[in-house]
Amino acid sequence: MIKVQADEMMTYLEEVFPQVRGEFAIDRLDDDLLIMRLKVQERHLRPGGTISGPAMFGLADVAAYVATMARIGKEALAVTTNCSIDFMRKPRAGGDLLVHARVLKLGRVLSVIDCLLYSEGTDAPVARASLTYSIPPGAAQAG
């Protein structure tokens, strides 16, 4: 169940991570799905007209953090403990990068999130990431 709504989550993100202010936006946040976007800028691009791997990883990581925080409440000390990412297609550099993130399991100490990344306006994912977050003691109830 969602404890922190999208607008409050964005405000919180900008408070605890001011270095990414204005880079991300939440399009949808509910019990089933988080859709978040990276507002792609020139610094996110690499030679060949594609979005860089680190930018794609960053979007998946922030989305996993947001999906977890939305369910457990604001816990700045939750951290990534594992990430595996498969780059499947060249993302287009002409628009934003979107992620569809789903919490697969939320326990007392770990959150497991699956992310599919898409170039804006396309149906085929450009990458898939699986992330695990460590939750601070006492922050969440098993779900």
C-alpha atoms as a PDB file:
ATOM      1  CA  MET A   1       0.000   0.000   0.000  1.00  0.00           C
ATOM      2  CA  ILE A   2       1.292   3.445  -0.953  1.00  0.00           C
ATOM      3  CA  LYS A   3       2.173   5.632   2.053  1.00  0.00           C
ATOM      4  CA  VAL A   4       3.803   8.534   0.174  1.00  0.00           C
ATOM      5  CA  GLN A   5       2.068  10.040  -2.878  1.00  0.00           C
ATOM      6  CA  ALA A   6       3.884  11.161  -6.046  1.00  0.00           C
ATOM      7  CA  ASP A   7       4.042  14.910  -5.355  1.00  0.00           C
ATOM      8  CA  GLU A   8       5.263  14.391  -1.789  1.00  0.00           C
ATOM      9  CA  MET A   9       7.796  11.816  -3.021  1.00  0.00           C
ATOM     10  CA  MET A  10       9.241  14.265  -5.579  1.00  0.00           C
ATOM     11  CA  THR A  11       9.541  16.975  -2.908  1.00  0.00           C
ATOM     12  CA  TYR A  12      11.289  14.501  -0.614  1.00  0.00           C
ATOM     13  CA  LEU A  13      13.670  13.354  -3.368  1.00  0.00           C
ATOM     14  CA  GLU A  14      14.693  16.939  -4.058  1.00  0.00           C
ATOM     15  CA  GLU A  15      15.289  17.523  -0.335  1.00  0.00           C
ATOM     16  CA  VAL A  16      17.491  14.476   0.277  1.00  0.00           C
ATOM     17  CA  PHE A  17      19.145  14.428  -3.176  1.00  0.00           C
ATOM     18  CA  PRO A  18      19.330  18.086  -4.298  1.00  0.00           C
ATOM     19  CA  GLN A  19      21.979  17.126  -6.877  1.00  0.00           C
ATOM     20  CA  VAL A  20      19.266  15.486  -9.042  1.00  0.00           C
ATOM     21  CA  ARG A  21      16.681  18.276  -8.738  1.00  0.00           C
ATOM     22  CA  GLY A  22      14.704  18.601 -11.941  1.00  0.00           C
ATOM     23  CA  GLU A  23      16.128  15.454 -13.582  1.00  0.00           C
ATOM     24  CA  PHE A  24      13.258  13.080 -12.768  1.00  0.00           C
ATOM     25  CA  ALA A  25       9.467  13.146 -12.804  1.00  0.00           C
ATOM     26  CA  ILE A  26       6.840  10.682 -11.615  1.00  0.00           C
ATOM     27  CA  ASP A  27       4.107   9.972 -14.182  1.00  0.00           C
ATOM     28  CA  ARG A  28       2.272   7.307 -12.156  1.00  0.00           C
ATOM     29  CA  LEU A  29       2.578   5.923  -8.651  1.00  0.00           C
ATOM     30  CA  ASP A  30       0.107   3.398  -7.292  1.00  0.00           C
ATOM     31  CA  ASP A  31       0.047  -0.023  -5.645  1.00  0.00           C
ATOM     32  CA  ASP A  32       0.793  -1.788  -8.938  1.00  0.00           C
ATOM     33  CA  LEU A  33       3.255   0.384 -10.818  1.00  0.00           C
ATOM     34  CA  LEU A  34       5.619   3.327 -10.735  1.00  0.00           C
ATOM     35  CA  ILE A  35       6.245   5.092 -14.034  1.00  0.00           C
ATOM     36  CA  MET A  36       9.079   7.570 -13.766  1.00  0.00           C
ATOM     37  CA  ARG A  37      11.042   9.529 -16.346  1.00  0.00           C
ATOM     38  CA  LEU A  38      14.533  10.821 -16.758  1.00  0.00           C
ATOM     39  CA  LYS A  39      14.380  14.213 -18.433  1.00  0.00           C
ATOM     40  CA  VAL A  40      17.182  13.472 -20.868  1.00  0.00           C
ATOM     41  CA  GLN A  41      19.706  16.254 -21.354  1.00  0.00           C
ATOM     42  CA  GLU A  42      22.936  16.482 -23.318  1.00  0.00           C
ATOM     43  CA  ARG A  43      24.984  15.285 -20.325  1.00  0.00           C
ATOM     44  CA  HIS A  44      23.071  11.952 -20.425  1.00  0.00           C
ATOM     45  CA  LEU A  45      24.149  11.209 -24.007  1.00  0.00           C
ATOM     46  CA  ARG A  46      27.128   9.332 -25.326  1.00  0.00           C
ATOM     47  CA  PRO A  47      28.733   9.259 -28.776  1.00  0.00           C
ATOM     48  CA  GLY A  48      26.526   7.636 -31.389  1.00  0.00           C
ATOM     49  CA  GLY A  49      23.359   9.435 -30.320  1.00  0.00           C
ATOM     50  CA  THR A  50      22.296   7.191 -27.472  1.00  0.00           C
ATOM     51  CA  ILE A  51      21.603   7.529 -23.760  1.00  0.00           C
ATOM     52  CA  SER A  52      24.504   6.402 -21.598  1.00  0.00           C
ATOM     53  CA  GLY A  53      24.450   3.259 -19.482  1.00  0.00           C
ATOM     54  CA  PRO A  54      25.099   5.216 -16.270  1.00  0.00           C
ATOM     55  CA  ALA A  55      22.060   7.426 -17.004  1.00  0.00           C
ATOM     56  CA  MET A  56      19.933   4.323 -17.550  1.00  0.00           C
ATOM     57  CA  PHE A  57      21.227   2.750 -14.339  1.00  0.00           C
ATOM     58  CA  GLY A  58      20.540   5.993 -12.487  1.00  0.00           C
ATOM     59  CA  LEU A  59      16.907   6.034 -13.580  1.00  0.00           C
ATOM     60  CA  ALA A  60      16.401   2.402 -12.541  1.00  0.00           C
ATOM     61  CA  ASP A  61      18.088   3.013  -9.179  1.00  0.00           C
ATOM     62  CA  VAL A  62      16.065   6.151  -8.389  1.00  0.00           C
ATOM     63  CA  ALA A  63      12.859   4.383  -9.438  1.00  0.00           C
ATOM     64  CA  ALA A  64      13.621   1.437  -7.138  1.00  0.00           C
ATOM     65  CA  TYR A  65      14.284   3.874  -4.288  1.00  0.00           C
ATOM     66  CA  VAL A  66      11.024   5.753  -4.952  1.00  0.00           C
ATOM     67  CA  ALA A  67       8.974   2.561  -5.295  1.00  0.00           C
ATOM     68  CA  THR A  68      10.351   1.336  -1.959  1.00  0.00           C
ATOM     69  CA  MET A  69       9.990   4.666  -0.115  1.00  0.00           C
ATOM     70  CA  ALA A  70       6.428   5.095  -1.353  1.00  0.00           C
ATOM     71  CA  ARG A  71       5.567   1.865   0.476  1.00  0.00           C
ATOM     72  CA  ILE A  72       7.608   2.124   3.679  1.00  0.00           C
ATOM     73  CA  GLY A  73       7.656   5.891   4.182  1.00  0.00           C
ATOM     74  CA  LYS A  74      10.536   8.328   3.991  1.00  0.00           C
ATOM     75  CA  GLU A  75      13.703   6.451   4.995  1.00  0.00           C
ATOM     76  CA  ALA A  76      16.728   8.202   3.520  1.00  0.00           C
ATOM     77  CA  LEU A  77      19.052   5.438   4.721  1.00  0.00           C
ATOM     78  CA  ALA A  78      17.628   2.691   2.491  1.00  0.00           C
ATOM     79  CA  VAL A  79      20.403   1.670   0.099  1.00  0.00           C
ATOM     80  CA  THR A  80      20.930  -0.414  -3.013  1.00  0.00           C
ATOM     81  CA  THR A  81      22.436  -3.785  -2.149  1.00  0.00           C
ATOM     82  CA  ASN A  82      22.272  -5.364  -5.591  1.00  0.00           C
ATOM     83  CA  CYS A  83      21.594  -4.380  -9.191  1.00  0.00           C
ATOM     84  CA  SER A  84      21.674  -6.340 -12.389  1.00  0.00           C
ATOM     85  CA  ILE A  85      20.920  -4.591 -15.656  1.00  0.00           C
ATOM     86  CA  ASP A  86      20.545  -5.961 -19.170  1.00  0.00           C
ATOM     87  CA  PHE A  87      20.910  -3.470 -22.014  1.00  0.00           C
ATOM     88  CA  MET A  88      18.728  -4.816 -24.841  1.00  0.00           C
ATOM     89  CA  ARG A  89      18.323  -2.045 -27.423  1.00  0.00           C
ATOM     90  CA  LYS A  90      19.864   1.311 -28.234  1.00  0.00           C
ATOM     91  CA  PRO A  91      17.718   3.970 -26.520  1.00  0.00           C
ATOM     92  CA  ARG A  92      16.694   6.954 -28.611  1.00  0.00           C
ATOM     93  CA  ALA A  93      18.313  10.229 -27.649  1.00  0.00           C
ATOM     94  CA  GLY A  94      15.418  12.365 -28.896  1.00  0.00           C
ATOM     95  CA  GLY A  95      13.115  12.094 -25.878  1.00  0.00           C
ATOM     96  CA  ASP A  96      12.872  11.151 -22.241  1.00  0.00           C
ATOM     97  CA  LEU A  97      13.703   7.736 -20.851  1.00  0.00           C
ATOM     98  CA  LEU A  98      10.859   6.024 -18.960  1.00  0.00           C
ATOM     99  CA  VAL A  99      10.941   3.265 -16.384  1.00  0.00           C
ATOM    100  CA  HIS A 100       8.122   0.963 -15.325  1.00  0.00           C
ATOM    101  CA  ALA A 101       9.046  -0.249 -11.840  1.00  0.00           C
ATOM    102  CA  ARG A 102       7.244  -2.964  -9.882  1.00  0.00           C
ATOM    103  CA  VAL A 103       7.948  -4.015  -6.318  1.00  0.00           C
ATOM    104  CA  LEU A 104       8.096  -7.805  -6.472  1.00  0.00           C
ATOM    105  CA  LYS A 105       8.640  -8.300  -2.738  1.00  0.00           C
ATOM    106  CA  LEU A 106       8.673  -5.976   0.228  1.00  0.00           C
ATOM    107  CA  GLY A 107       9.967  -7.568   3.399  1.00  0.00           C
ATOM    108  CA  ARG A 108      11.270  -6.326   6.746  1.00  0.00           C
ATOM    109  CA  VAL A 109      14.856  -5.914   5.543  1.00  0.00           C
ATOM    110  CA  LEU A 110      14.792  -6.101   1.729  1.00  0.00           C
ATOM    111  CA  SER A 111      12.793  -4.739  -1.170  1.00  0.00           C
ATOM    112  CA  VAL A 112      13.078  -6.433  -4.596  1.00  0.00           C
ATOM    113  CA  ILE A 113      12.158  -4.317  -7.620  1.00  0.00           C
ATOM    114  CA  ASP A 114      11.896  -5.116 -11.336  1.00  0.00           C
ATOM    115  CA  CYS A 115      12.372  -2.265 -13.820  1.00  0.00           C
ATOM    116  CA  LEU A 116      11.740  -2.052 -17.552  1.00  0.00           C
ATOM    117  CA  LEU A 117      13.194   1.006 -19.294  1.00  0.00           C
ATOM    118  CA  TYR A 118      11.736   2.471 -22.487  1.00  0.00           C
ATOM    119  CA  SER A 119      12.600   5.265 -24.882  1.00  0.00           C
ATOM    120  CA  GLU A 120       9.662   7.654 -24.845  1.00  0.00           C
ATOM    121  CA  GLY A 121       7.147   6.743 -27.542  1.00  0.00           C
ATOM    122  CA  THR A 122       8.331   3.147 -28.040  1.00  0.00           C
ATOM    123  CA  ASP A 123       6.802  -0.155 -26.956  1.00  0.00           C
ATOM    124  CA  ALA A 124       9.912  -2.333 -26.772  1.00  0.00           C
ATOM    125  CA  PRO A 125      12.048  -2.022 -23.626  1.00  0.00           C
ATOM    126  CA  VAL A 126      15.631  -0.820 -24.057  1.00  0.00           C
ATOM    127  CA  ALA A 127      16.815  -2.320 -20.756  1.00  0.00           C
ATOM    128  CA  ARG A 128      15.707  -4.432 -17.836  1.00  0.00           C
ATOM    129  CA  ALA A 129      17.029  -4.053 -14.309  1.00  0.00           C
ATOM    130  CA  SER A 130      16.528  -6.026 -11.134  1.00  0.00           C
ATOM    131  CA  LEU A 131      17.385  -4.209  -7.912  1.00  0.00           C
ATOM    132  CA  THR A 132      17.403  -5.072  -4.234  1.00  0.00           C
ATOM    133  CA  TYR A 133      17.229  -2.388  -1.563  1.00  0.00           C
ATOM    134  CA  SER A 134      18.198  -2.801   2.078  1.00  0.00           C
ATOM    135  CA  ILE A 135      15.606  -1.285   4.407  1.00  0.00           C
ATOM    136  CA  PRO A 136      16.712   0.237   7.732  1.00  0.00           C
ATOM    137  CA  PRO A 137      15.576  -1.756  10.803  1.00  0.00           C
ATOM    138  CA  GLY A 138      12.025  -0.986  11.889  1.00  0.00           C
ATOM    139  CA  ALA A 139      11.176   0.937   8.701  1.00  0.00           C
ATOM    140  CA  ALA A 140       8.812  -1.508   6.988  1.00  0.00           C
ATOM    141  CA  GLN A 141       6.356  -4.245   7.665  1.00  0.00           C
ATOM    142  CA  ALA A 142       6.606  -7.458   5.661  1.00  0.00           C
ATOM    143  CA  GLY A 143       4.354  -7.442   2.624  1.00  0.00           C
END
